[in-house]
Amino acid sequence: MNLVGKFKNKLRCTCNDVVSFELIDEIECDWGSHVVIQCPNCQDLFCIDNLCPAFGDVSKLANINTGLYSKDELENYLSNSHPN
């Protein structure tokens, strides 16, 4: 399943609500552009392609939503992160 497909179903956000995240196809940071999701409740933004200090860490969502990312997908997400 591609990354975007993982967020089509309702998931628990870090604000503890179960929501349907809104997808933002392209948003830029200082290092490039990303696919980002936004919680409609708390408005937090999460970068889903790699760790970026401009957005929330999707690994926090993976911790509270079992099976969201595989171990390999999570390692890839973290290894392609931007500098802090």
N, C-alpha and C. Protein backbone atom coordinates (compact mmCIF):
# COMPACT_ATOMS: atom_id res chain seq x y z
N MET A 1 0.85 -1.18 0.00
CA MET A 1 0.00 0.00 0.00
C MET A 1 0.89 1.24 0.00
N ASN A 2 0.52 2.24 -0.80
CA ASN A 2 1.31 3.46 -0.81
C ASN A 2 1.05 4.27 0.46
N LEU A 3 1.89 5.26 0.70
CA LEU A 3 1.77 6.05 1.93
C LEU A 3 0.42 6.76 2.04
N VAL A 4 -0.05 7.34 0.97
CA VAL A 4 -1.31 8.07 1.01
C VAL A 4 -2.46 7.14 1.38
N GLY A 5 -2.44 5.93 0.85
CA GLY A 5 -3.50 4.96 1.13
C GLY A 5 -3.61 4.59 2.59
N LYS A 6 -2.52 4.69 3.33
CA LYS A 6 -2.52 4.37 4.76
C LYS A 6 -3.39 5.33 5.56
N PHE A 7 -3.66 6.51 5.02
CA PHE A 7 -4.37 7.54 5.75
C PHE A 7 -5.79 7.76 5.22
N LYS A 8 -6.30 6.83 4.42
CA LYS A 8 -7.67 6.92 3.89
C LYS A 8 -8.70 6.55 4.96
N ASN A 9 -8.33 5.67 5.89
CA ASN A 9 -9.23 5.24 6.96
C ASN A 9 -9.06 6.14 8.18
N LYS A 10 -10.04 6.08 9.07
CA LYS A 10 -9.95 6.85 10.31
C LYS A 10 -8.83 6.29 11.19
N LEU A 11 -8.09 7.20 11.80
CA LEU A 11 -6.97 6.85 12.68
C LEU A 11 -7.03 7.70 13.93
N ARG A 12 -6.37 7.24 14.97
CA ARG A 12 -6.27 8.01 16.20
C ARG A 12 -5.14 9.03 16.03
N CYS A 13 -5.44 10.28 16.32
CA CYS A 13 -4.45 11.35 16.26
C CYS A 13 -3.77 11.49 17.63
N THR A 14 -2.71 12.26 17.69
CA THR A 14 -2.04 12.50 18.96
C THR A 14 -2.92 13.30 19.92
N CYS A 15 -3.97 13.95 19.39
CA CYS A 15 -4.93 14.66 20.26
C CYS A 15 -5.93 13.68 20.88
N ASN A 16 -5.78 12.39 20.55
CA ASN A 16 -6.55 11.27 21.08
C ASN A 16 -7.93 11.09 20.44
N ASP A 17 -8.26 11.87 19.42
CA ASP A 17 -9.51 11.68 18.69
C ASP A 17 -9.28 10.76 17.51
N VAL A 18 -10.29 10.00 17.14
CA VAL A 18 -10.25 9.17 15.94
C VAL A 18 -10.83 10.03 14.81
N VAL A 19 -10.01 10.29 13.78
CA VAL A 19 -10.39 11.23 12.73
C VAL A 19 -10.04 10.69 11.35
N SER A 20 -10.62 11.33 10.36
CA SER A 20 -10.21 11.14 8.97
C SER A 20 -9.28 12.30 8.65
N PHE A 21 -8.01 12.00 8.49
CA PHE A 21 -7.03 13.05 8.22
C PHE A 21 -7.27 13.66 6.85
N GLU A 22 -7.01 14.94 6.74
CA GLU A 22 -7.09 15.64 5.46
C GLU A 22 -5.72 15.58 4.81
N LEU A 23 -5.68 15.29 3.53
CA LEU A 23 -4.44 15.15 2.79
C LEU A 23 -4.09 16.45 2.08
N ILE A 24 -2.86 16.89 2.25
CA ILE A 24 -2.33 18.04 1.51
C ILE A 24 -1.25 17.48 0.60
N ASP A 25 -1.53 17.46 -0.70
CA ASP A 25 -0.66 16.79 -1.66
C ASP A 25 0.77 17.32 -1.68
N GLU A 26 0.92 18.60 -1.56
CA GLU A 26 2.28 19.16 -1.63
C GLU A 26 2.36 20.42 -0.80
N ILE A 27 3.32 20.41 0.10
CA ILE A 27 3.58 21.58 0.93
C ILE A 27 5.09 21.68 1.07
N GLU A 28 5.61 22.88 1.04
CA GLU A 28 7.06 23.06 1.03
C GLU A 28 7.62 23.42 2.39
N CYS A 29 8.85 22.97 2.58
CA CYS A 29 9.65 23.38 3.74
C CYS A 29 10.97 23.90 3.17
N ASP A 30 11.92 24.21 4.02
CA ASP A 30 13.21 24.73 3.56
C ASP A 30 14.01 23.71 2.75
N TRP A 31 13.68 22.41 2.86
CA TRP A 31 14.46 21.36 2.21
C TRP A 31 13.77 20.73 1.01
N GLY A 32 12.54 21.13 0.71
CA GLY A 32 11.83 20.53 -0.41
C GLY A 32 10.33 20.48 -0.16
N SER A 33 9.65 19.62 -0.89
CA SER A 33 8.20 19.52 -0.73
C SER A 33 7.82 18.15 -0.17
N HIS A 34 6.67 18.10 0.47
CA HIS A 34 6.21 16.90 1.17
C HIS A 34 4.73 16.66 0.94
N VAL A 35 4.33 15.42 1.20
CA VAL A 35 2.92 15.07 1.33
C VAL A 35 2.64 15.13 2.83
N VAL A 36 1.61 15.88 3.19
CA VAL A 36 1.32 16.16 4.59
C VAL A 36 -0.15 15.82 4.87
N ILE A 37 -0.42 15.36 6.07
CA ILE A 37 -1.80 15.17 6.51
C ILE A 37 -2.08 16.14 7.65
N GLN A 38 -3.36 16.48 7.80
CA GLN A 38 -3.76 17.41 8.87
C GLN A 38 -4.95 16.84 9.61
N CYS A 39 -4.87 16.92 10.92
CA CYS A 39 -5.99 16.50 11.76
C CYS A 39 -7.06 17.59 11.71
N PRO A 40 -8.30 17.23 11.38
CA PRO A 40 -9.35 18.24 11.34
C PRO A 40 -9.76 18.75 12.73
N ASN A 41 -9.36 18.03 13.78
CA ASN A 41 -9.71 18.43 15.14
C ASN A 41 -8.67 19.40 15.72
N CYS A 42 -7.44 18.94 15.86
CA CYS A 42 -6.41 19.77 16.50
C CYS A 42 -5.60 20.61 15.50
N GLN A 43 -5.79 20.34 14.20
CA GLN A 43 -5.12 21.07 13.12
C GLN A 43 -3.62 20.76 12.99
N ASP A 44 -3.11 19.79 13.75
CA ASP A 44 -1.70 19.42 13.63
C ASP A 44 -1.41 18.87 12.24
N LEU A 45 -0.24 19.21 11.73
CA LEU A 45 0.23 18.73 10.43
C LEU A 45 1.29 17.67 10.65
N PHE A 46 1.23 16.59 9.87
CA PHE A 46 2.20 15.51 9.94
C PHE A 46 2.74 15.22 8.55
N CYS A 47 4.04 15.26 8.41
CA CYS A 47 4.70 14.90 7.16
C CYS A 47 4.74 13.38 7.09
N ILE A 48 4.22 12.78 5.99
CA ILE A 48 4.13 11.33 5.94
C ILE A 48 5.25 10.68 5.13
N ASP A 49 6.07 11.46 4.41
CA ASP A 49 7.12 10.85 3.59
C ASP A 49 8.47 10.76 4.28
N ASN A 50 8.81 11.72 5.11
CA ASN A 50 10.02 11.64 5.92
C ASN A 50 9.94 12.65 7.07
N LEU A 51 10.77 12.46 8.06
CA LEU A 51 10.76 13.31 9.25
C LEU A 51 11.25 14.71 8.88
N CYS A 52 10.45 15.71 9.17
CA CYS A 52 10.78 17.10 8.87
C CYS A 52 10.46 17.93 10.11
N PRO A 53 11.41 18.75 10.57
CA PRO A 53 11.16 19.54 11.78
C PRO A 53 10.06 20.59 11.63
N ALA A 54 9.63 20.86 10.40
CA ALA A 54 8.56 21.85 10.19
C ALA A 54 7.18 21.27 10.48
N PHE A 55 7.07 19.93 10.58
CA PHE A 55 5.78 19.27 10.75
C PHE A 55 5.88 18.23 11.85
N GLY A 56 4.73 17.72 12.28
CA GLY A 56 4.68 16.68 13.29
C GLY A 56 5.31 15.38 12.80
N ASP A 57 5.74 14.57 13.73
CA ASP A 57 6.42 13.30 13.48
C ASP A 57 5.38 12.19 13.34
N VAL A 58 5.25 11.62 12.13
CA VAL A 58 4.26 10.58 11.88
C VAL A 58 4.56 9.30 12.67
N SER A 59 5.78 9.14 13.15
CA SER A 59 6.07 7.95 13.96
C SER A 59 5.27 7.97 15.26
N LYS A 60 4.88 9.14 15.73
CA LYS A 60 4.00 9.23 16.90
C LYS A 60 2.63 8.66 16.57
N LEU A 61 2.16 8.91 15.35
CA LEU A 61 0.89 8.32 14.91
C LEU A 61 1.03 6.81 14.76
N ALA A 62 2.19 6.37 14.26
CA ALA A 62 2.43 4.93 14.08
C ALA A 62 2.44 4.22 15.43
N ASN A 63 2.91 4.88 16.47
CA ASN A 63 2.94 4.28 17.80
C ASN A 63 1.55 4.06 18.39
N ILE A 64 0.60 4.92 18.05
CA ILE A 64 -0.74 4.79 18.60
C ILE A 64 -1.72 4.13 17.63
N ASN A 65 -1.27 3.85 16.41
CA ASN A 65 -2.07 3.16 15.39
C ASN A 65 -1.29 1.95 14.90
N THR A 66 -1.42 0.86 15.61
CA THR A 66 -0.66 -0.36 15.31
C THR A 66 -0.83 -0.77 13.85
N GLY A 67 0.29 -1.05 13.21
CA GLY A 67 0.28 -1.52 11.83
C GLY A 67 0.24 -0.42 10.79
N LEU A 68 0.24 0.84 11.21
CA LEU A 68 0.20 1.94 10.25
C LEU A 68 1.41 1.92 9.33
N TYR A 69 2.59 1.79 9.90
CA TYR A 69 3.83 1.68 9.15
C TYR A 69 4.51 0.36 9.54
N SER A 70 5.08 -0.31 8.58
CA SER A 70 5.88 -1.50 8.90
C SER A 70 7.21 -1.03 9.50
N LYS A 71 7.95 -1.95 10.06
CA LYS A 71 9.26 -1.60 10.64
C LYS A 71 10.16 -0.99 9.56
N ASP A 72 10.17 -1.58 8.37
CA ASP A 72 11.00 -1.06 7.28
C ASP A 72 10.55 0.33 6.84
N GLU A 73 9.23 0.53 6.74
CA GLU A 73 8.72 1.84 6.35
C GLU A 73 9.09 2.90 7.38
N LEU A 74 9.00 2.56 8.64
CA LEU A 74 9.34 3.51 9.70
C LEU A 74 10.83 3.81 9.69
N GLU A 75 11.67 2.81 9.49
CA GLU A 75 13.11 3.03 9.41
C GLU A 75 13.45 3.93 8.22
N ASN A 76 12.79 3.71 7.09
CA ASN A 76 13.00 4.54 5.91
C ASN A 76 12.56 5.98 6.17
N TYR A 77 11.42 6.15 6.82
CA TYR A 77 10.92 7.47 7.18
C TYR A 77 11.94 8.23 8.04
N LEU A 78 12.46 7.56 9.05
CA LEU A 78 13.40 8.21 9.96
C LEU A 78 14.77 8.43 9.33
N SER A 79 15.22 7.52 8.47
CA SER A 79 16.55 7.66 7.86
C SER A 79 16.60 8.75 6.80
N ASN A 80 15.47 9.13 6.25
CA ASN A 80 15.42 10.19 5.24
C ASN A 80 15.03 11.54 5.83
N SER A 81 15.26 11.71 7.12
CA SER A 81 14.83 12.93 7.79
C SER A 81 15.74 14.12 7.46
N HIS A 82 15.17 15.30 7.64
CA HIS A 82 15.91 16.55 7.47
C HIS A 82 16.68 16.84 8.76
N PRO A 83 17.70 17.70 8.65
CA PRO A 83 18.41 18.10 9.89
C PRO A 83 17.52 18.97 10.76
N ASN A 84 17.74 18.91 12.07
CA ASN A 84 17.01 19.77 13.01
C ASN A 84 17.72 21.08 13.19
